[in-house]
Amino acid sequence: MKNGFTAGLVFVLFCCLHTIRIYGQTVVTIREGEKWYGGAVSDAHLMPFKEGYSLDMYGDTRGNQAAPLLLSTKGRVIWSEEPFRFSFEGNKLVINRAKGQLTIDSTAGNLREAFLVAEQRYFPAQNKLPDSLLFSQPQYNTWIELVYNQNEADILVYAKAIVNNGFPPGVLMIDDNWADYYGRFDFRKDRFENAMAMIDSLHQLGFKVMLWISPFISPDTEVFRYLLGKKYLLLSNGGDSSLSWSNSDKPAILSWWNGYSAVLDFTNPAAKEWFIGRLDYMRTRYHVDGFKLDAGDADFYPAAALSYAPATPNEQSRLWGTIGLSFSLNEYRAMWKMGGQPLVERLRDKQHSWTDLQKLIPGITTAGLLGYPFACPDMIGGGEFGSFRDLTQLDEELIVRSAECSALMPMMQFSVAPWRVLSDSNLRLVRAAVALRKKYTPYILHLARSAALTGEPIVRSMEYAFPNQGFAEEKGEFMLGDKLLIAPVLTKDGIKTILLPKGKWREDTGKVFQGPCQFREVIPLGRLPQYERVGGRPGRG
């Protein structure tokens, strides 16, 4: 036993950094009061982890960002270059099924220090920033309004309505089904009479344009046959585990939310070159500015598939992440082990519900903990299109509160058109949330540039910002940088419990509070509670 962990059938090098080769399982004794975070962003609302939680990250990133990293409030760091399974059993953290070497570091003293150890060692910031327009103006995605009926006329109607309803132009994302099939890099002629002219018109309105793409290739198409002949696709072993890539000529066909497709094999440098070449063609031919790179989840890569170079499903997902490095205007939903890179990471689609609204703060702060500071909450009001099939079930208050919650996060993305589904009074409140963001845009951009340099999250959990002050379970507030505490209303009743750390805090109403303190009040629709730290930075510890 050493520093709270034991390992069965392992080789241990005892020093400040404990490096373990796993042959069985590693058992980490949880210290008194120690809380743990990490793994998969989609499970952030379950953090800090409780007894009974488990996750095997091999081929499972829970539909969002993930990393082989666990961090504790006592400053401990667990990292591996490969996925592993972990579970919480009583006062033990049990790690097994590790695919690579495991490292346990106990040199830090709290959650923030643990993150800084991990960031500097395993995913250092690259001092590069995604396109600043993603931070400075709202984003607009055509998904909820058009779903699979993406077409030139309605996209232009949506864009003009944004401006005509008093919203500032920003990034506009054209979502799925703009092409004839997956792998075809030209706009479909039946819906886009002149795609280049459409995008030029969007530019004239003040938008930059992103285009939805995926790594999938529709089978039995001209492009599919070309890529299969070049062996740019993942291949199937046909049930013969002894078959090698060089001797296989059958594609691996996998199931995803839009049916069955082949998938590009980015372990093959030639496949990556071909794909980036097609994206460059879209930029040149149609004047597209960037790409929404969807799918790429580790779940979609068959473990038994044959690739040009050996790779786990997780590694294939990471390689999909490297595509975005060629474009400053990018967005991902699924990601594995690409912390510190200039990639935009959106939280996975949320239901139009108060329950899912409450997942935004833990999700986006956990994304920062895993090395993804350039994070975007899901679309305002929810991005799961099934929630919007029945407009009679929409909750206008939820959309307003969602806009308020997103307003002072790193990014703000609309999809459902507020002017279509809201009353005039509630539409004014959403515009007010956008105006509030404009007030703080210089500070948000400053934090984004700082994150590119230092890796520190733009939005931070309360435990990260104020270690050991009792905030480990707090999911309803976050810090924007180190000076602004944001406390969005996340429930239908409008009641908010405000927890202020040590120090002096000035409320957006002008009232000054001396922390630590706690109070409860009803927050009217249209107000986002904000508390600015007055003076120095007490509470770091």
Protein backbone atom coordinates (compact mmCIF):
# COMPACT_ATOMS: atom_id res chain seq x y z
CA MET A 1 0.00 0.00 0.00
CA LYS A 2 1.40 3.43 -0.97
CA ASN A 3 -0.36 6.83 -1.02
CA GLY A 4 -3.77 5.20 -0.85
CA PHE A 5 -3.57 2.65 -3.68
CA THR A 6 -2.75 -1.00 -4.09
CA ALA A 7 -2.16 -2.90 -7.28
CA GLY A 8 -2.39 -6.59 -7.96
CA LEU A 9 0.24 -8.22 -10.21
CA VAL A 10 1.84 -4.90 -11.08
CA PHE A 11 5.27 -3.37 -11.28
CA VAL A 12 5.42 -0.14 -9.27
CA LEU A 13 8.09 2.56 -9.46
CA PHE A 14 7.89 4.46 -6.16
CA CYS A 15 8.55 8.17 -6.59
CA CYS A 16 6.44 11.31 -6.72
CA LEU A 17 4.95 9.91 -9.91
CA HIS A 18 3.73 6.33 -9.62
CA THR A 19 3.84 4.48 -12.96
CA ILE A 20 2.13 1.12 -12.99
CA ARG A 21 2.03 -1.62 -15.58
CA ILE A 22 -1.36 -3.25 -15.33
CA TYR A 23 -1.73 -7.00 -15.46
CA GLY A 24 -4.78 -7.29 -13.20
CA GLN A 25 -6.52 -4.42 -11.52
CA THR A 26 -5.56 -1.33 -9.57
CA VAL A 27 -7.44 -0.40 -6.43
CA VAL A 28 -7.27 3.20 -5.26
CA THR A 29 -8.37 3.81 -1.68
CA ILE A 30 -10.55 6.91 -1.60
CA ARG A 31 -9.40 9.30 1.09
CA GLU A 32 -11.76 10.86 3.61
CA GLY A 33 -13.72 13.62 1.89
CA GLU A 34 -12.11 12.94 -1.51
CA LYS A 35 -14.30 13.42 -4.57
CA TRP A 36 -13.54 12.29 -8.14
CA TYR A 37 -14.35 13.68 -11.61
CA GLY A 38 -13.42 12.82 -15.20
CA GLY A 39 -13.93 10.22 -17.90
CA ALA A 40 -16.96 11.18 -19.98
CA VAL A 41 -18.52 14.66 -20.20
CA SER A 42 -22.01 13.20 -20.76
CA ASP A 43 -21.94 11.79 -17.23
CA ALA A 44 -20.90 15.10 -15.65
CA HIS A 45 -24.25 15.46 -13.88
CA LEU A 46 -23.34 12.26 -11.99
CA MET A 47 -20.07 13.78 -10.74
CA PRO A 48 -18.50 13.71 -8.28
CA PHE A 49 -18.88 9.98 -8.70
CA LYS A 50 -20.91 7.95 -6.24
CA GLU A 51 -20.72 4.31 -5.24
CA GLY A 52 -21.98 2.07 -8.01
CA TYR A 53 -20.86 4.23 -10.93
CA SER A 54 -18.78 2.48 -13.58
CA LEU A 55 -17.61 3.17 -17.12
CA ASP A 56 -15.49 1.19 -19.55
CA MET A 57 -14.11 3.85 -21.91
CA TYR A 58 -12.98 1.32 -24.53
CA GLY A 59 -15.22 2.05 -27.50
CA ASP A 60 -17.57 4.16 -25.36
CA THR A 61 -17.26 7.92 -24.97
CA ARG A 62 -20.95 8.33 -24.13
CA GLY A 63 -21.69 10.35 -27.24
CA ASN A 64 -19.62 13.35 -26.26
CA GLN A 65 -16.12 14.35 -25.22
CA ALA A 66 -14.06 11.98 -23.11
CA ALA A 67 -10.49 11.44 -21.94
CA PRO A 68 -8.60 8.72 -20.03
CA LEU A 69 -8.30 11.07 -17.05
CA LEU A 70 -9.61 11.11 -13.49
CA LEU A 71 -9.03 13.98 -11.06
CA SER A 72 -9.75 14.31 -7.35
CA THR A 73 -10.40 17.10 -4.88
CA LYS A 74 -7.34 15.87 -2.96
CA GLY A 75 -5.13 16.60 -5.95
CA ARG A 76 -4.72 13.11 -7.36
CA VAL A 77 -4.41 12.46 -11.10
CA ILE A 78 -5.01 9.16 -12.90
CA TRP A 79 -4.06 9.04 -16.58
CA SER A 80 -3.45 6.53 -19.33
CA GLU A 81 -2.79 6.98 -23.02
CA GLU A 82 -5.38 4.24 -23.63
CA PRO A 83 -8.94 3.62 -22.39
CA PHE A 84 -9.65 1.77 -19.17
CA ARG A 85 -12.60 0.71 -17.05
CA PHE A 86 -13.19 2.28 -13.66
CA SER A 87 -15.82 1.79 -10.97
CA PHE A 88 -16.57 3.06 -7.47
CA GLU A 89 -17.09 0.32 -4.92
CA GLY A 90 -17.43 1.43 -1.33
CA ASN A 91 -14.36 3.50 -0.49
CA LYS A 92 -12.45 2.07 -3.45
CA LEU A 93 -11.85 3.25 -6.98
CA VAL A 94 -11.23 0.10 -8.98
CA ILE A 95 -9.47 0.29 -12.35
CA ASN A 96 -9.20 -2.67 -14.71
CA ARG A 97 -9.31 -3.63 -18.39
CA ALA A 98 -6.64 -1.01 -18.97
CA LYS A 99 -5.33 -1.08 -22.53
CA GLY A 100 -2.10 0.67 -21.67
CA GLN A 101 0.18 1.94 -18.94
CA LEU A 102 -1.54 3.67 -16.03
CA THR A 103 -0.09 6.64 -14.16
CA ILE A 104 -1.19 7.81 -10.71
CA ASP A 105 0.16 11.13 -9.48
CA SER A 106 -0.34 12.40 -5.93
CA THR A 107 1.76 15.55 -5.99
CA ALA A 108 -1.04 18.13 -6.16
CA GLY A 109 -3.24 19.31 -3.30
CA ASN A 110 -6.65 20.10 -4.80
CA LEU A 111 -8.75 19.83 -7.96
CA ARG A 112 -7.28 22.87 -9.73
CA GLU A 113 -3.71 21.82 -8.98
CA ALA A 114 -4.48 18.29 -10.19
CA PHE A 115 -5.82 19.70 -13.47
CA LEU A 116 -2.72 21.84 -13.96
CA VAL A 117 -0.46 18.81 -13.41
CA ALA A 118 -2.45 16.81 -15.97
CA GLU A 119 -2.69 19.66 -18.48
CA GLN A 120 0.99 20.45 -18.48
CA ARG A 121 2.02 16.81 -18.72
CA TYR A 122 -0.59 15.16 -20.95
CA PHE A 123 -2.46 17.75 -23.04
CA PRO A 124 -0.57 21.05 -23.01
CA ALA A 125 -2.24 24.09 -24.52
CA GLN A 126 -1.08 24.85 -28.06
CA ASN A 127 -1.51 28.66 -27.90
CA LYS A 128 -3.95 28.44 -30.80
CA LEU A 129 -7.54 29.62 -30.82
CA PRO A 130 -10.52 28.59 -32.93
CA ASP A 131 -12.06 31.36 -35.02
CA SER A 132 -12.87 34.23 -32.63
CA LEU A 133 -16.30 34.75 -34.23
CA LEU A 134 -17.41 31.57 -32.45
CA PHE A 135 -16.94 33.41 -29.14
CA SER A 136 -17.79 36.98 -30.06
CA GLN A 137 -21.21 36.44 -31.69
CA PRO A 138 -24.00 33.89 -31.31
CA GLN A 139 -24.02 30.82 -33.52
CA TYR A 140 -27.06 29.65 -35.48
CA ASN A 141 -27.67 26.08 -36.58
CA THR A 142 -30.32 25.12 -39.16
CA TRP A 143 -31.01 21.71 -37.62
CA ILE A 144 -34.15 22.26 -35.54
CA GLU A 145 -35.82 24.49 -38.13
CA LEU A 146 -35.11 22.32 -41.19
CA VAL A 147 -33.95 18.93 -39.86
CA TYR A 148 -33.23 16.82 -43.00
CA ASN A 149 -34.88 19.30 -45.35
CA GLN A 150 -31.80 21.48 -45.74
CA ASN A 151 -32.39 23.70 -48.77
CA GLU A 152 -31.24 26.97 -50.24
CA ALA A 153 -34.52 28.90 -49.97
CA ASP A 154 -35.25 28.08 -46.32
CA ILE A 155 -31.65 28.63 -45.21
CA LEU A 156 -31.78 32.15 -46.63
CA VAL A 157 -35.16 32.75 -44.98
CA TYR A 158 -33.71 31.63 -41.62
CA ALA A 159 -30.63 33.83 -41.98
CA LYS A 160 -32.62 36.92 -42.96
CA ALA A 161 -35.03 36.35 -40.08
CA ILE A 162 -32.09 36.31 -37.65
CA VAL A 163 -31.09 39.81 -38.70
CA ASN A 164 -34.66 41.13 -39.14
CA ASN A 165 -35.55 40.04 -35.59
CA GLY A 166 -32.72 41.98 -34.03
CA PHE A 167 -30.14 39.24 -33.57
CA PRO A 168 -26.53 39.85 -34.63
CA PRO A 169 -25.15 37.74 -37.47
CA GLY A 170 -22.42 35.28 -36.51
CA VAL A 171 -21.61 31.73 -37.56
CA LEU A 172 -24.39 29.93 -39.45
CA MET A 173 -24.21 26.13 -39.61
CA ILE A 174 -25.88 24.22 -42.44
CA ASP A 175 -26.71 20.82 -41.01
CA ASP A 176 -27.08 17.29 -42.38
CA ASN A 177 -28.53 16.27 -45.79
CA TRP A 178 -27.13 19.04 -48.01
CA ALA A 179 -25.49 16.43 -50.30
CA ASP A 180 -26.90 13.57 -52.35
CA TYR A 181 -25.21 11.01 -50.10
CA TYR A 182 -22.44 10.70 -47.50
CA GLY A 183 -19.04 11.06 -49.11
CA ARG A 184 -20.37 13.22 -51.95
CA PHE A 185 -18.85 16.70 -51.69
CA ASP A 186 -21.18 18.83 -53.75
CA PHE A 187 -24.53 20.38 -52.87
CA ARG A 188 -27.51 18.40 -54.09
CA LYS A 189 -29.06 20.13 -57.10
CA ASP A 190 -32.68 19.38 -56.18
CA ARG A 191 -32.43 21.61 -53.10
CA PHE A 192 -29.60 24.00 -53.91
CA GLU A 193 -29.98 25.75 -57.25
CA ASN A 194 -26.87 27.89 -56.74
CA ALA A 195 -25.11 26.99 -53.48
CA MET A 196 -22.19 29.34 -54.07
CA ALA A 197 -24.53 32.31 -54.57
CA MET A 198 -26.43 31.29 -51.42
CA ILE A 199 -23.24 31.28 -49.34
CA ASP A 200 -22.14 34.57 -50.87
CA SER A 201 -25.50 36.02 -49.84
CA LEU A 202 -25.00 34.72 -46.30
CA HIS A 203 -21.59 36.41 -46.25
CA GLN A 204 -23.18 39.67 -47.35
CA LEU A 205 -25.62 39.38 -44.43
CA GLY A 206 -22.63 39.16 -42.09
CA PHE A 207 -22.42 35.40 -41.50
CA LYS A 208 -19.58 32.92 -41.78
CA VAL A 209 -20.85 29.53 -42.95
CA MET A 210 -20.09 26.09 -41.56
CA LEU A 211 -21.15 22.83 -43.18
CA TRP A 212 -22.10 19.56 -41.46
CA ILE A 213 -19.84 16.62 -42.34
CA SER A 214 -19.14 13.12 -41.03
CA PRO A 215 -16.57 10.36 -41.65
CA PHE A 216 -19.23 8.07 -43.15
CA ILE A 217 -19.48 6.96 -46.77
CA SER A 218 -22.74 5.71 -48.26
CA PRO A 219 -22.28 2.18 -49.67
CA ASP A 220 -22.80 1.31 -53.33
CA THR A 221 -21.97 4.78 -54.57
CA GLU A 222 -19.32 5.99 -56.96
CA VAL A 223 -17.29 7.54 -54.15
CA PHE A 224 -17.60 4.39 -52.03
CA ARG A 225 -16.25 2.21 -54.84
CA TYR A 226 -13.34 4.58 -55.42
CA LEU A 227 -12.41 4.67 -51.71
CA LEU A 228 -12.74 0.91 -51.32
CA GLY A 229 -10.44 0.38 -54.29
CA LYS A 230 -7.88 2.67 -52.66
CA LYS A 231 -8.37 0.92 -49.28
CA TYR A 232 -9.18 4.22 -47.59
CA LEU A 233 -12.06 2.62 -45.66
CA LEU A 234 -12.08 0.46 -42.56
CA LEU A 235 -12.17 -3.15 -43.72
CA SER A 236 -13.91 -6.25 -42.43
CA ASN A 237 -12.23 -9.45 -41.37
CA GLY A 238 -15.36 -11.40 -42.35
CA GLY A 239 -15.31 -13.20 -39.03
CA ASP A 240 -11.75 -14.48 -39.57
CA SER A 241 -9.64 -13.05 -36.76
CA SER A 242 -6.46 -14.20 -38.51
CA LEU A 243 -7.14 -12.10 -41.63
CA SER A 244 -4.79 -9.14 -42.09
CA TRP A 245 -5.59 -5.71 -43.55
CA SER A 246 -3.40 -6.37 -46.56
CA ASN A 247 -5.42 -9.49 -47.43
CA SER A 248 -8.87 -7.97 -46.90
CA ASP A 249 -10.92 -6.30 -49.62
CA LYS A 250 -14.34 -6.14 -47.91
CA PRO A 251 -15.58 -2.93 -46.25
CA ALA A 252 -16.69 -2.78 -42.64
CA ILE A 253 -20.34 -1.66 -42.74
CA LEU A 254 -21.54 -0.14 -39.49
CA SER A 255 -24.81 1.08 -38.05
CA TRP A 256 -25.34 4.69 -36.98
CA TRP A 257 -28.33 7.00 -36.53
CA ASN A 258 -28.82 7.41 -40.30
CA GLY A 259 -28.59 3.77 -41.27
CA TYR A 260 -25.63 1.73 -42.51
CA SER A 261 -22.40 3.14 -43.93
CA ALA A 262 -18.74 2.53 -44.48
CA VAL A 263 -16.31 4.75 -42.60
CA LEU A 264 -13.01 6.35 -43.51
CA ASP A 265 -9.84 4.94 -41.98
CA PHE A 266 -7.75 7.90 -40.87
CA THR A 267 -4.85 5.70 -39.77
CA ASN A 268 -4.14 5.76 -43.51
CA PRO A 269 -2.45 9.11 -44.28
CA ALA A 270 -3.72 8.94 -47.85
CA ALA A 271 -7.33 8.71 -46.64
CA LYS A 272 -6.85 11.77 -44.47
CA GLU A 273 -5.25 13.64 -47.38
CA TRP A 274 -8.18 12.73 -49.65
CA PHE A 275 -10.76 13.87 -47.08
CA ILE A 276 -9.10 17.20 -46.28
CA GLY A 277 -8.74 17.71 -50.02
CA ARG A 278 -12.53 17.38 -50.42
CA LEU A 279 -13.09 19.89 -47.61
CA ASP A 280 -10.69 22.31 -49.26
CA TYR A 281 -12.65 21.80 -52.47
CA MET A 282 -15.84 22.84 -50.66
CA ARG A 283 -14.14 25.97 -49.39
CA THR A 284 -12.82 26.87 -52.83
CA ARG A 285 -15.81 25.84 -54.94
CA TYR A 286 -18.64 27.06 -52.70
CA HIS A 287 -16.89 29.54 -50.36
CA VAL A 288 -17.69 27.50 -47.23
CA ASP A 289 -15.77 28.87 -44.22
CA GLY A 290 -15.56 25.84 -41.94
CA PHE A 291 -17.08 22.56 -40.82
CA LYS A 292 -19.25 20.98 -38.16
CA LEU A 293 -17.57 17.58 -37.81
CA ASP A 294 -20.27 15.31 -36.44
CA ALA A 295 -20.23 11.63 -35.46
CA GLY A 296 -16.74 10.15 -35.07
CA ASP A 297 -17.80 8.53 -31.80
CA ALA A 298 -15.61 5.66 -30.68
CA ASP A 299 -18.84 3.63 -30.52
CA PHE A 300 -19.11 3.68 -34.32
CA TYR A 301 -15.75 2.03 -35.00
CA PRO A 302 -16.00 -1.78 -34.84
CA ALA A 303 -13.29 -3.21 -32.61
CA ALA A 304 -12.78 -6.10 -35.02
CA ALA A 305 -12.40 -3.88 -38.09
CA LEU A 306 -9.12 -3.89 -39.98
CA SER A 307 -7.23 -0.63 -40.43
CA TYR A 308 -4.12 0.52 -42.27
CA ALA A 309 -2.35 0.86 -38.93
CA PRO A 310 -3.48 -0.81 -35.70
CA ALA A 311 -5.89 1.40 -33.78
CA THR A 312 -8.50 1.08 -31.06
CA PRO A 313 -11.98 2.52 -31.67
CA ASN A 314 -10.93 5.38 -29.37
CA GLU A 315 -7.86 6.11 -31.47
CA GLN A 316 -10.00 6.24 -34.60
CA SER A 317 -12.17 8.81 -32.83
CA ARG A 318 -9.10 10.84 -31.90
CA LEU A 319 -7.90 10.77 -35.50
CA TRP A 320 -11.28 12.17 -36.58
CA GLY A 321 -10.50 15.00 -34.16
CA THR A 322 -7.26 15.81 -35.97
CA ILE A 323 -9.22 16.74 -39.13
CA GLY A 324 -10.50 19.89 -37.46
CA LEU A 325 -6.99 21.17 -36.84
CA SER A 326 -6.87 22.18 -40.51
CA PHE A 327 -9.80 24.60 -40.04
CA SER A 328 -10.07 27.39 -37.48
CA LEU A 329 -13.87 27.32 -37.87
CA ASN A 330 -14.74 23.88 -36.51
CA GLU A 331 -17.12 22.14 -34.14
CA TYR A 332 -17.17 18.63 -32.67
CA ARG A 333 -19.61 16.73 -30.50
CA ALA A 334 -17.63 13.49 -30.01
CA MET A 335 -13.97 13.60 -29.02
CA TRP A 336 -11.29 11.43 -27.46
CA LYS A 337 -8.01 12.63 -25.98
CA MET A 338 -7.60 15.89 -27.90
CA GLY A 339 -7.27 18.22 -24.92
CA GLY A 340 -5.34 21.44 -25.41
CA GLN A 341 -6.11 21.67 -29.12
CA PRO A 342 -7.93 24.59 -30.85
CA LEU A 343 -11.11 22.58 -31.32
CA VAL A 344 -14.66 23.61 -30.45
CA GLU A 345 -16.49 20.99 -28.41
CA ARG A 346 -20.29 21.12 -28.17
CA LEU A 347 -22.20 19.33 -25.45
CA ARG A 348 -24.29 16.50 -26.86
CA ASP A 349 -27.91 17.10 -27.88
CA LYS A 350 -30.19 17.89 -24.96
CA GLN A 351 -33.91 17.38 -24.60
CA HIS A 352 -36.23 20.38 -24.33
CA SER A 353 -36.55 19.86 -20.58
CA TRP A 354 -35.58 21.45 -17.29
CA THR A 355 -33.75 18.25 -16.35
CA ASP A 356 -31.46 18.56 -19.34
CA LEU A 357 -31.01 22.31 -18.80
CA GLN A 358 -29.56 21.39 -15.41
CA LYS A 359 -26.89 19.29 -17.14
CA LEU A 360 -25.30 22.25 -18.95
CA ILE A 361 -23.19 23.61 -16.09
CA PRO A 362 -21.69 20.28 -14.94
CA GLY A 363 -21.18 19.30 -18.58
CA ILE A 364 -19.36 22.40 -19.69
CA THR A 365 -17.21 22.67 -16.57
CA THR A 366 -16.24 19.00 -16.85
CA ALA A 367 -15.30 19.54 -20.50
CA GLY A 368 -12.85 22.16 -19.25
CA LEU A 369 -11.46 19.72 -16.67
CA LEU A 370 -10.76 17.22 -19.45
CA GLY A 371 -8.79 19.78 -21.46
CA TYR A 372 -11.56 21.14 -23.70
CA PRO A 373 -11.92 24.83 -22.76
CA PHE A 374 -13.49 25.94 -26.07
CA ALA A 375 -16.81 24.38 -25.18
CA CYS A 376 -20.28 25.22 -26.43
CA PRO A 377 -23.47 24.37 -24.55
CA ASP A 378 -26.08 22.63 -26.64
CA MET A 379 -28.51 24.61 -28.76
CA ILE A 380 -30.69 27.01 -26.77
CA GLY A 381 -33.88 25.30 -25.66
CA GLY A 382 -32.42 21.92 -26.61
CA GLY A 383 -30.94 20.32 -29.70
CA GLU A 384 -32.72 16.97 -29.71
CA PHE A 385 -35.14 17.51 -32.59
CA GLY A 386 -37.77 15.10 -31.30
CA SER A 387 -38.55 17.60 -28.55
CA PHE A 388 -39.75 20.11 -31.13
CA ARG A 389 -42.16 17.96 -33.12
CA ASP A 390 -45.12 19.18 -31.07
CA LEU A 391 -44.92 22.96 -30.73
CA THR A 392 -47.79 22.92 -28.24
CA GLN A 393 -45.44 21.29 -25.74
CA LEU A 394 -42.75 23.98 -25.89
CA ASP A 395 -42.01 25.83 -22.66
CA GLU A 396 -41.26 29.49 -23.41
CA GLU A 397 -39.77 30.06 -19.97
CA LEU A 398 -37.38 27.17 -20.53
CA ILE A 399 -36.13 28.74 -23.77
CA VAL A 400 -35.56 32.09 -22.03
CA ARG A 401 -33.74 30.48 -19.09
CA SER A 402 -31.69 28.39 -21.52
CA ALA A 403 -30.62 31.55 -23.35
CA GLU A 404 -29.69 33.15 -20.03
CA CYS A 405 -27.70 30.09 -18.97
CA SER A 406 -25.75 30.09 -22.26
CA ALA A 407 -25.25 33.86 -22.43
CA LEU A 408 -22.04 33.92 -20.37
CA MET A 409 -20.66 30.54 -21.35
CA PRO A 410 -17.81 30.39 -23.89
CA MET A 411 -20.30 30.19 -26.78
CA MET A 412 -24.00 30.67 -27.41
CA GLN A 413 -25.82 28.65 -30.09
CA PHE A 414 -29.37 28.98 -31.40
CA SER A 415 -31.24 26.52 -33.59
CA VAL A 416 -34.98 26.73 -32.93
CA ALA A 417 -35.97 30.21 -34.08
CA PRO A 418 -36.94 32.22 -30.97
CA TRP A 419 -39.09 34.60 -33.06
CA ARG A 420 -41.15 31.64 -34.28
CA VAL A 421 -41.90 30.01 -30.92
CA LEU A 422 -41.87 32.86 -28.38
CA SER A 423 -44.24 35.65 -27.45
CA ASP A 424 -43.04 39.20 -28.11
CA SER A 425 -42.23 39.72 -24.43
CA ASN A 426 -40.17 36.53 -24.14
CA LEU A 427 -38.43 37.24 -27.44
CA ARG A 428 -37.32 40.57 -25.97
CA LEU A 429 -35.86 38.69 -22.99
CA VAL A 430 -33.84 36.41 -25.27
CA ARG A 431 -32.52 39.43 -27.16
CA ALA A 432 -31.59 40.91 -23.78
CA ALA A 433 -29.53 37.78 -22.99
CA VAL A 434 -27.67 38.28 -26.28
CA ALA A 435 -27.10 41.94 -25.37
CA LEU A 436 -25.74 40.90 -21.96
CA ARG A 437 -23.26 38.63 -23.71
CA LYS A 438 -22.14 41.53 -25.90
CA LYS A 439 -21.32 43.50 -22.74
CA TYR A 440 -18.97 40.74 -21.57
CA THR A 441 -17.59 39.72 -24.97
CA PRO A 442 -14.19 41.43 -24.45
CA TYR A 443 -13.76 39.50 -21.19
CA ILE A 444 -14.85 36.21 -22.80
CA LEU A 445 -12.37 36.74 -25.65
CA HIS A 446 -9.64 37.53 -23.12
CA LEU A 447 -10.39 34.26 -21.32
CA ALA A 448 -10.40 32.33 -24.59
CA ARG A 449 -6.96 33.67 -25.50
CA SER A 450 -5.75 32.87 -22.00
CA ALA A 451 -7.11 29.31 -22.31
CA ALA A 452 -5.21 28.89 -25.57
CA LEU A 453 -2.04 29.86 -23.74
CA THR A 454 -2.47 28.24 -20.32
CA GLY A 455 -5.10 25.53 -20.86
CA GLU A 456 -7.20 26.76 -17.92
CA PRO A 457 -10.95 26.48 -18.50
CA ILE A 458 -12.94 29.55 -19.51
CA VAL A 459 -15.80 28.44 -17.27
CA ARG A 460 -14.84 26.71 -14.05
CA SER A 461 -16.65 24.62 -11.51
CA MET A 462 -16.98 26.12 -8.06
CA GLU A 463 -14.79 23.39 -6.58
CA TYR A 464 -12.09 24.18 -9.15
CA ALA A 465 -12.20 27.89 -8.34
CA PHE A 466 -12.65 27.58 -4.58
CA PRO A 467 -11.10 24.30 -3.38
CA ASN A 468 -12.12 22.85 -0.05
CA GLN A 469 -14.91 25.35 0.63
CA GLY A 470 -17.71 22.80 0.29
CA PHE A 471 -18.50 23.24 -3.41
CA ALA A 472 -17.69 19.72 -4.65
CA GLU A 473 -21.37 18.92 -5.27
CA GLU A 474 -22.38 22.35 -6.60
CA LYS A 475 -23.88 22.12 -10.11
CA GLY A 476 -25.96 25.29 -10.32
CA GLU A 477 -23.25 27.96 -10.46
CA PHE A 478 -20.02 28.48 -12.33
CA MET A 479 -17.16 30.93 -12.50
CA LEU A 480 -16.49 32.84 -15.71
CA GLY A 481 -12.74 33.23 -15.35
CA ASP A 482 -11.72 34.13 -11.82
CA LYS A 483 -13.84 37.22 -11.23
CA LEU A 484 -17.48 36.53 -12.21
CA LEU A 485 -19.78 34.05 -10.48
CA ILE A 486 -22.78 33.17 -12.65
CA ALA A 487 -25.90 31.59 -11.11
CA PRO A 488 -28.52 30.84 -13.81
CA VAL A 489 -32.04 29.82 -12.89
CA LEU A 490 -32.50 26.17 -13.84
CA THR A 491 -35.96 25.33 -12.50
CA LYS A 492 -39.48 26.20 -13.59
CA ASP A 493 -40.36 27.84 -10.26
CA GLY A 494 -37.63 30.48 -10.65
CA ILE A 495 -36.29 29.82 -7.16
CA LYS A 496 -32.50 30.00 -6.87
CA THR A 497 -30.23 29.19 -3.95
CA ILE A 498 -27.13 31.35 -4.20
CA LEU A 499 -23.90 30.14 -2.60
CA LEU A 500 -21.12 32.71 -2.35
CA PRO A 501 -17.54 31.75 -1.39
CA LYS A 502 -15.27 33.65 0.96
CA GLY A 503 -14.65 37.26 0.06
CA LYS A 504 -16.71 40.25 -1.02
CA TRP A 505 -19.13 39.99 -3.96
CA ARG A 506 -21.05 42.67 -5.85
CA GLU A 507 -24.38 41.50 -7.27
CA ASP A 508 -25.65 42.65 -10.67
CA THR A 509 -28.26 44.63 -8.69
CA GLY A 510 -25.46 46.60 -7.03
CA LYS A 511 -25.84 44.96 -3.62
CA VAL A 512 -22.61 43.80 -1.95
CA PHE A 513 -22.35 40.52 -0.02
CA GLN A 514 -19.67 39.24 2.33
CA GLY A 515 -19.02 35.55 1.81
CA PRO A 516 -19.22 32.83 2.65
CA CYS A 517 -22.99 33.10 2.65
CA GLN A 518 -26.08 31.44 1.27
CA PHE A 519 -29.50 32.85 0.43
CA ARG A 520 -32.56 31.87 -1.55
CA GLU A 521 -34.75 34.07 -3.72
CA VAL A 522 -37.14 34.05 -6.65
CA ILE A 523 -35.38 35.36 -9.75
CA PRO A 524 -37.69 37.01 -12.28
CA LEU A 525 -37.61 35.82 -15.87
CA GLY A 526 -35.13 38.02 -17.71
CA ARG A 527 -32.51 38.26 -14.96
CA LEU A 528 -29.28 36.28 -14.90
CA PRO A 529 -27.76 36.58 -11.41
CA GLN A 530 -24.09 37.63 -11.58
CA TYR A 531 -21.65 38.31 -8.76
CA GLU A 532 -18.37 40.09 -9.34
CA ARG A 533 -15.49 39.45 -6.99
CA VAL A 534 -14.51 42.67 -5.24
CA GLY A 535 -10.82 43.13 -4.46
CA GLY A 536 -8.34 40.24 -4.48
CA ARG A 537 -8.75 36.51 -4.94
CA PRO A 538 -9.53 35.04 -1.50
CA GLY A 539 -10.47 31.43 -1.25
CA ARG A 540 -7.67 29.91 -3.34
CA GLY A 541 -6.40 27.03 -1.36
